[in-house]
């Protein structure tokens, strides 16, 4: 049985979610389909945005490193498209974005350690390799950064799973597929 998930319109959601839609419209210029899908729940959209916008020791650019690596491991077309666009707005060029999706950053050793950590956490469902953790810490990251990265992996995984389950239409330009050689 194929369950179809619609992308709810403003008039189809609760008044609480309507207010969030209005704020998204002002801040982003539109309500992304994935965010609208959270509004099938009375609380999920607000809860997710609270988590996603919570204070963290990671800067916006660093968060995109994690978002790209996690979304690639989880093969989420929606999040790859959205975070490819956001990463570009945060100063990464197309080749760097492809590298980050593959869980590496040859152009910056500190970001490389972050990308490898995010990829390893996601691939191993939290059973992170000690060597990867040590490389991360030796690259100048802190234990606070480690914990915040784990929280961000969870944050991104939630959206990855929501899209993979609902398969709502992607409303960002599609992300370029990675070549097998880029994944190594």
C-alpha atoms as a PDB file:
ATOM      1  CA  UNK A   1       0.000   0.000   0.000  1.00  0.00           C
ATOM      2  CA  UNK A   2       1.387   3.403  -0.974  1.00  0.00           C
ATOM      3  CA  UNK A   3       0.507   6.115   1.529  1.00  0.00           C
ATOM      4  CA  UNK A   4       0.407   9.594   0.046  1.00  0.00           C
ATOM      5  CA  UNK A   5       1.433  12.568   2.143  1.00  0.00           C
ATOM      6  CA  UNK A   6       0.215  15.945   1.071  1.00  0.00           C
ATOM      7  CA  UNK A   7       2.057  19.151   1.772  1.00  0.00           C
ATOM      8  CA  UNK A   8      -0.445  20.980   3.971  1.00  0.00           C
ATOM      9  CA  UNK A   9      -1.396  24.509   3.031  1.00  0.00           C
ATOM     10  CA  UNK A  10      -1.671  27.283   5.594  1.00  0.00           C
ATOM     11  CA  UNK A  11      -5.485  26.943   5.854  1.00  0.00           C
ATOM     12  CA  UNK A  12      -5.147  23.194   6.514  1.00  0.00           C
ATOM     13  CA  UNK A  13      -3.033  23.468   9.676  1.00  0.00           C
ATOM     14  CA  UNK A  14      -3.702  24.570  13.242  1.00  0.00           C
ATOM     15  CA  UNK A  15      -3.600  28.230  14.198  1.00  0.00           C
ATOM     16  CA  UNK A  16      -0.329  27.571  16.037  1.00  0.00           C
ATOM     17  CA  UNK A  17       1.214  26.169  12.872  1.00  0.00           C
ATOM     18  CA  UNK A  18      -0.326  28.971  10.778  1.00  0.00           C
ATOM     19  CA  UNK A  19       1.639  31.476  12.872  1.00  0.00           C
ATOM     20  CA  UNK A  20       4.831  29.465  12.269  1.00  0.00           C
ATOM     21  CA  UNK A  21       4.054  29.370   8.530  1.00  0.00           C
ATOM     22  CA  UNK A  22       3.689  33.172   8.600  1.00  0.00           C
ATOM     23  CA  UNK A  23       7.063  33.540  10.350  1.00  0.00           C
ATOM     24  CA  UNK A  24       8.730  31.194   7.856  1.00  0.00           C
ATOM     25  CA  UNK A  25       7.195  33.116   4.975  1.00  0.00           C
ATOM     26  CA  UNK A  26       8.675  36.357   6.345  1.00  0.00           C
ATOM     27  CA  UNK A  27      12.094  34.867   7.177  1.00  0.00           C
ATOM     28  CA  UNK A  28      12.659  32.530   4.229  1.00  0.00           C
ATOM     29  CA  UNK A  29      10.269  33.860   1.601  1.00  0.00           C
ATOM     30  CA  UNK A  30       8.285  30.608   1.481  1.00  0.00           C
ATOM     31  CA  UNK A  31       7.337  27.646   3.642  1.00  0.00           C
ATOM     32  CA  UNK A  32       9.575  24.736   2.637  1.00  0.00           C
ATOM     33  CA  UNK A  33       7.568  21.595   1.902  1.00  0.00           C
ATOM     34  CA  UNK A  34       9.388  19.574   4.537  1.00  0.00           C
ATOM     35  CA  UNK A  35       8.601  22.126   7.240  1.00  0.00           C
ATOM     36  CA  UNK A  36       4.973  22.194   6.114  1.00  0.00           C
ATOM     37  CA  UNK A  37       4.893  18.399   6.430  1.00  0.00           C
ATOM     38  CA  UNK A  38       5.852  18.660  10.099  1.00  0.00           C
ATOM     39  CA  UNK A  39       2.609  20.632  10.517  1.00  0.00           C
ATOM     40  CA  UNK A  40       0.557  17.439  10.147  1.00  0.00           C
ATOM     41  CA  UNK A  41       1.338  17.326  13.869  1.00  0.00           C
ATOM     42  CA  UNK A  42       0.157  20.043  16.238  1.00  0.00           C
ATOM     43  CA  UNK A  43       3.578  20.142  17.949  1.00  0.00           C
ATOM     44  CA  UNK A  44       6.233  18.681  15.652  1.00  0.00           C
ATOM     45  CA  UNK A  45       6.966  21.794  13.577  1.00  0.00           C
ATOM     46  CA  UNK A  46       7.531  24.004  16.615  1.00  0.00           C
ATOM     47  CA  UNK A  47       9.522  21.276  18.384  1.00  0.00           C
ATOM     48  CA  UNK A  48      11.710  20.667  15.352  1.00  0.00           C
ATOM     49  CA  UNK A  49      12.371  24.379  14.735  1.00  0.00           C
ATOM     50  CA  UNK A  50      13.228  24.841  18.409  1.00  0.00           C
ATOM     51  CA  UNK A  51      15.793  22.031  18.169  1.00  0.00           C
ATOM     52  CA  UNK A  52      17.122  23.179  14.802  1.00  0.00           C
ATOM     53  CA  UNK A  53      17.517  26.799  15.923  1.00  0.00           C
ATOM     54  CA  UNK A  54      18.853  26.051  19.414  1.00  0.00           C
ATOM     55  CA  UNK A  55      22.139  27.578  20.559  1.00  0.00           C
ATOM     56  CA  UNK A  56      25.191  25.539  19.615  1.00  0.00           C
ATOM     57  CA  UNK A  57      28.953  25.875  19.692  1.00  0.00           C
ATOM     58  CA  UNK A  58      29.008  25.260  15.925  1.00  0.00           C
ATOM     59  CA  UNK A  59      28.902  28.191  13.526  1.00  0.00           C
ATOM     60  CA  UNK A  60      26.433  28.207  10.610  1.00  0.00           C
ATOM     61  CA  UNK A  61      29.100  27.112   8.131  1.00  0.00           C
ATOM     62  CA  UNK A  62      30.152  24.246  10.408  1.00  0.00           C
ATOM     63  CA  UNK A  63      26.542  23.139  10.822  1.00  0.00           C
ATOM     64  CA  UNK A  64      26.291  22.829   7.042  1.00  0.00           C
ATOM     65  CA  UNK A  65      29.302  20.494   7.051  1.00  0.00           C
ATOM     66  CA  UNK A  66      27.380  18.183   9.371  1.00  0.00           C
ATOM     67  CA  UNK A  67      24.057  18.589   7.538  1.00  0.00           C
ATOM     68  CA  UNK A  68      25.607  17.631   4.204  1.00  0.00           C
ATOM     69  CA  UNK A  69      27.542  14.610   5.489  1.00  0.00           C
ATOM     70  CA  UNK A  70      24.547  13.234   7.414  1.00  0.00           C
ATOM     71  CA  UNK A  71      22.090  13.797   4.569  1.00  0.00           C
ATOM     72  CA  UNK A  72      24.418  12.017   2.134  1.00  0.00           C
ATOM     73  CA  UNK A  73      24.791   8.976   4.390  1.00  0.00           C
ATOM     74  CA  UNK A  74      21.011   8.878   4.831  1.00  0.00           C
ATOM     75  CA  UNK A  75      20.458   9.523   1.093  1.00  0.00           C
ATOM     76  CA  UNK A  76      17.842  12.221   1.699  1.00  0.00           C
ATOM     77  CA  UNK A  77      17.192  13.996  -1.604  1.00  0.00           C
ATOM     78  CA  UNK A  78      15.268  16.808   0.080  1.00  0.00           C
ATOM     79  CA  UNK A  79      17.927  17.664   2.665  1.00  0.00           C
ATOM     80  CA  UNK A  80      20.757  17.290   0.157  1.00  0.00           C
ATOM     81  CA  UNK A  81      19.023  19.788  -2.121  1.00  0.00           C
ATOM     82  CA  UNK A  82      18.211  22.229   0.688  1.00  0.00           C
ATOM     83  CA  UNK A  83      21.634  22.069   2.337  1.00  0.00           C
ATOM     84  CA  UNK A  84      23.499  22.277  -0.957  1.00  0.00           C
ATOM     85  CA  UNK A  85      21.748  25.623  -1.474  1.00  0.00           C
ATOM     86  CA  UNK A  86      22.352  26.740   2.123  1.00  0.00           C
ATOM     87  CA  UNK A  87      26.012  25.644   2.036  1.00  0.00           C
ATOM     88  CA  UNK A  88      26.492  27.759  -1.093  1.00  0.00           C
ATOM     89  CA  UNK A  89      24.993  30.734   0.743  1.00  0.00           C
ATOM     90  CA  UNK A  90      27.502  30.050   3.551  1.00  0.00           C
ATOM     91  CA  UNK A  91      30.478  30.350   1.205  1.00  0.00           C
ATOM     92  CA  UNK A  92      31.186  26.801   0.058  1.00  0.00           C
ATOM     93  CA  UNK A  93      31.786  26.298  -3.661  1.00  0.00           C
ATOM     94  CA  UNK A  94      30.214  23.388  -5.604  1.00  0.00           C
ATOM     95  CA  UNK A  95      33.329  21.166  -5.407  1.00  0.00           C
ATOM     96  CA  UNK A  96      33.636  21.744  -1.653  1.00  0.00           C
ATOM     97  CA  UNK A  97      29.968  20.866  -1.196  1.00  0.00           C
ATOM     98  CA  UNK A  98      30.483  17.564  -3.014  1.00  0.00           C
ATOM     99  CA  UNK A  99      33.472  16.791  -0.784  1.00  0.00           C
ATOM    100  CA  UNK A 100      31.514  17.626   2.360  1.00  0.00           C
ATOM    101  CA  UNK A 101      28.713  15.336   1.262  1.00  0.00           C
ATOM    102  CA  UNK A 102      31.315  12.567   0.939  1.00  0.00           C
ATOM    103  CA  UNK A 103      32.391  13.247   4.539  1.00  0.00           C
ATOM    104  CA  UNK A 104      35.668  15.012   3.879  1.00  0.00           C
ATOM    105  CA  UNK A 105      37.139  18.467   3.338  1.00  0.00           C
ATOM    106  CA  UNK A 106      40.600  18.423   1.748  1.00  0.00           C
ATOM    107  CA  UNK A 107      40.465  22.237   1.672  1.00  0.00           C
ATOM    108  CA  UNK A 108      40.351  22.619   5.492  1.00  0.00           C
ATOM    109  CA  UNK A 109      41.779  20.125   8.001  1.00  0.00           C
ATOM    110  CA  UNK A 110      39.504  21.206  10.853  1.00  0.00           C
ATOM    111  CA  UNK A 111      36.355  20.934   8.724  1.00  0.00           C
ATOM    112  CA  UNK A 112      37.687  17.609   7.420  1.00  0.00           C
ATOM    113  CA  UNK A 113      37.714  16.225  10.964  1.00  0.00           C
ATOM    114  CA  UNK A 114      34.161  17.522  11.490  1.00  0.00           C
ATOM    115  CA  UNK A 115      32.881  16.012   8.229  1.00  0.00           C
ATOM    116  CA  UNK A 116      34.527  12.669   9.001  1.00  0.00           C
ATOM    117  CA  UNK A 117      33.012  12.660  12.484  1.00  0.00           C
ATOM    118  CA  UNK A 118      29.496  13.446  11.238  1.00  0.00           C
ATOM    119  CA  UNK A 119      29.739  10.763   8.563  1.00  0.00           C
ATOM    120  CA  UNK A 120      31.117   8.165  10.992  1.00  0.00           C
ATOM    121  CA  UNK A 121      28.498   8.853  13.673  1.00  0.00           C
ATOM    122  CA  UNK A 122      25.723   8.502  11.100  1.00  0.00           C
ATOM    123  CA  UNK A 123      27.088   5.427   9.341  1.00  0.00           C
ATOM    124  CA  UNK A 124      27.705   3.644  12.638  1.00  0.00           C
ATOM    125  CA  UNK A 125      24.509   4.830  14.371  1.00  0.00           C
ATOM    126  CA  UNK A 126      26.521   6.419  17.175  1.00  0.00           C
ATOM    127  CA  UNK A 127      29.136   3.655  17.534  1.00  0.00           C
ATOM    128  CA  UNK A 128      31.750   6.212  16.503  1.00  0.00           C
ATOM    129  CA  UNK A 129      35.294   5.003  15.843  1.00  0.00           C
ATOM    130  CA  UNK A 130      37.684   6.162  18.589  1.00  0.00           C
ATOM    131  CA  UNK A 131      40.249   7.161  15.971  1.00  0.00           C
ATOM    132  CA  UNK A 132      37.719   9.489  14.326  1.00  0.00           C
ATOM    133  CA  UNK A 133      36.859  11.071  17.688  1.00  0.00           C
ATOM    134  CA  UNK A 134      40.543  11.517  18.540  1.00  0.00           C
ATOM    135  CA  UNK A 135      41.255  13.061  15.126  1.00  0.00           C
ATOM    136  CA  UNK A 136      38.343  15.448  15.707  1.00  0.00           C
ATOM    137  CA  UNK A 137      39.636  16.523  19.129  1.00  0.00           C
ATOM    138  CA  UNK A 138      43.233  16.756  17.912  1.00  0.00           C
ATOM    139  CA  UNK A 139      42.077  19.051  15.084  1.00  0.00           C
ATOM    140  CA  UNK A 140      41.163  21.677  17.690  1.00  0.00           C
ATOM    141  CA  UNK A 141      37.538  20.819  18.365  1.00  0.00           C
ATOM    142  CA  UNK A 142      36.303  20.571  21.957  1.00  0.00           C
ATOM    143  CA  UNK A 143      34.164  18.061  23.830  1.00  0.00           C
ATOM    144  CA  UNK A 144      31.404  20.669  23.685  1.00  0.00           C
ATOM    145  CA  UNK A 145      31.732  20.691  19.884  1.00  0.00           C
ATOM    146  CA  UNK A 146      31.555  16.881  19.931  1.00  0.00           C
ATOM    147  CA  UNK A 147      28.317  16.853  21.911  1.00  0.00           C
ATOM    148  CA  UNK A 148      26.803  19.618  19.757  1.00  0.00           C
ATOM    149  CA  UNK A 149      27.764  17.674  16.621  1.00  0.00           C
ATOM    150  CA  UNK A 150      25.980  14.580  17.932  1.00  0.00           C
ATOM    151  CA  UNK A 151      22.856  16.669  18.626  1.00  0.00           C
ATOM    152  CA  UNK A 152      23.054  18.122  15.105  1.00  0.00           C
ATOM    153  CA  UNK A 153      23.381  14.621  13.610  1.00  0.00           C
ATOM    154  CA  UNK A 154      20.162  13.737  15.440  1.00  0.00           C
ATOM    155  CA  UNK A 155      18.472  16.944  14.265  1.00  0.00           C
ATOM    156  CA  UNK A 156      19.331  16.278  10.629  1.00  0.00           C
ATOM    157  CA  UNK A 157      18.455  12.592  10.864  1.00  0.00           C
ATOM    158  CA  UNK A 158      14.935  13.525  11.989  1.00  0.00           C
ATOM    159  CA  UNK A 159      14.374  15.545   8.810  1.00  0.00           C
ATOM    160  CA  UNK A 160      16.063  12.896   6.662  1.00  0.00           C
ATOM    161  CA  UNK A 161      13.707  10.256   8.032  1.00  0.00           C
ATOM    162  CA  UNK A 162      10.657  12.497   7.700  1.00  0.00           C
ATOM    163  CA  UNK A 163      11.350  13.057   4.019  1.00  0.00           C
ATOM    164  CA  UNK A 164      12.281   9.464   3.276  1.00  0.00           C
ATOM    165  CA  UNK A 165       8.990   8.354   4.879  1.00  0.00           C
ATOM    166  CA  UNK A 166       6.683  10.992   3.379  1.00  0.00           C
ATOM    167  CA  UNK A 167       8.455  11.598   0.056  1.00  0.00           C
ATOM    168  CA  UNK A 168       6.952  15.091  -0.233  1.00  0.00           C
ATOM    169  CA  UNK A 169       8.139  17.045  -3.285  1.00  0.00           C
ATOM    170  CA  UNK A 170      11.573  18.675  -3.091  1.00  0.00           C
ATOM    171  CA  UNK A 171      11.192  22.445  -3.518  1.00  0.00           C
ATOM    172  CA  UNK A 172      14.904  23.288  -3.824  1.00  0.00           C
ATOM    173  CA  UNK A 173      17.128  22.761  -6.876  1.00  0.00           C
ATOM    174  CA  UNK A 174      18.192  19.098  -6.985  1.00  0.00           C
ATOM    175  CA  UNK A 175      21.640  18.294  -5.633  1.00  0.00           C
ATOM    176  CA  UNK A 176      24.148  16.903  -8.109  1.00  0.00           C
ATOM    177  CA  UNK A 177      24.656  13.155  -7.582  1.00  0.00           C
ATOM    178  CA  UNK A 178      27.989  12.114  -6.112  1.00  0.00           C
ATOM    179  CA  UNK A 179      30.204   9.965  -8.278  1.00  0.00           C
ATOM    180  CA  UNK A 180      31.516   6.730  -6.755  1.00  0.00           C
ATOM    181  CA  UNK A 181      35.025   8.216  -6.878  1.00  0.00           C
ATOM    182  CA  UNK A 182      33.889  11.123  -4.694  1.00  0.00           C
ATOM    183  CA  UNK A 183      32.577   8.785  -1.995  1.00  0.00           C
ATOM    184  CA  UNK A 184      35.962   7.139  -1.392  1.00  0.00           C
END
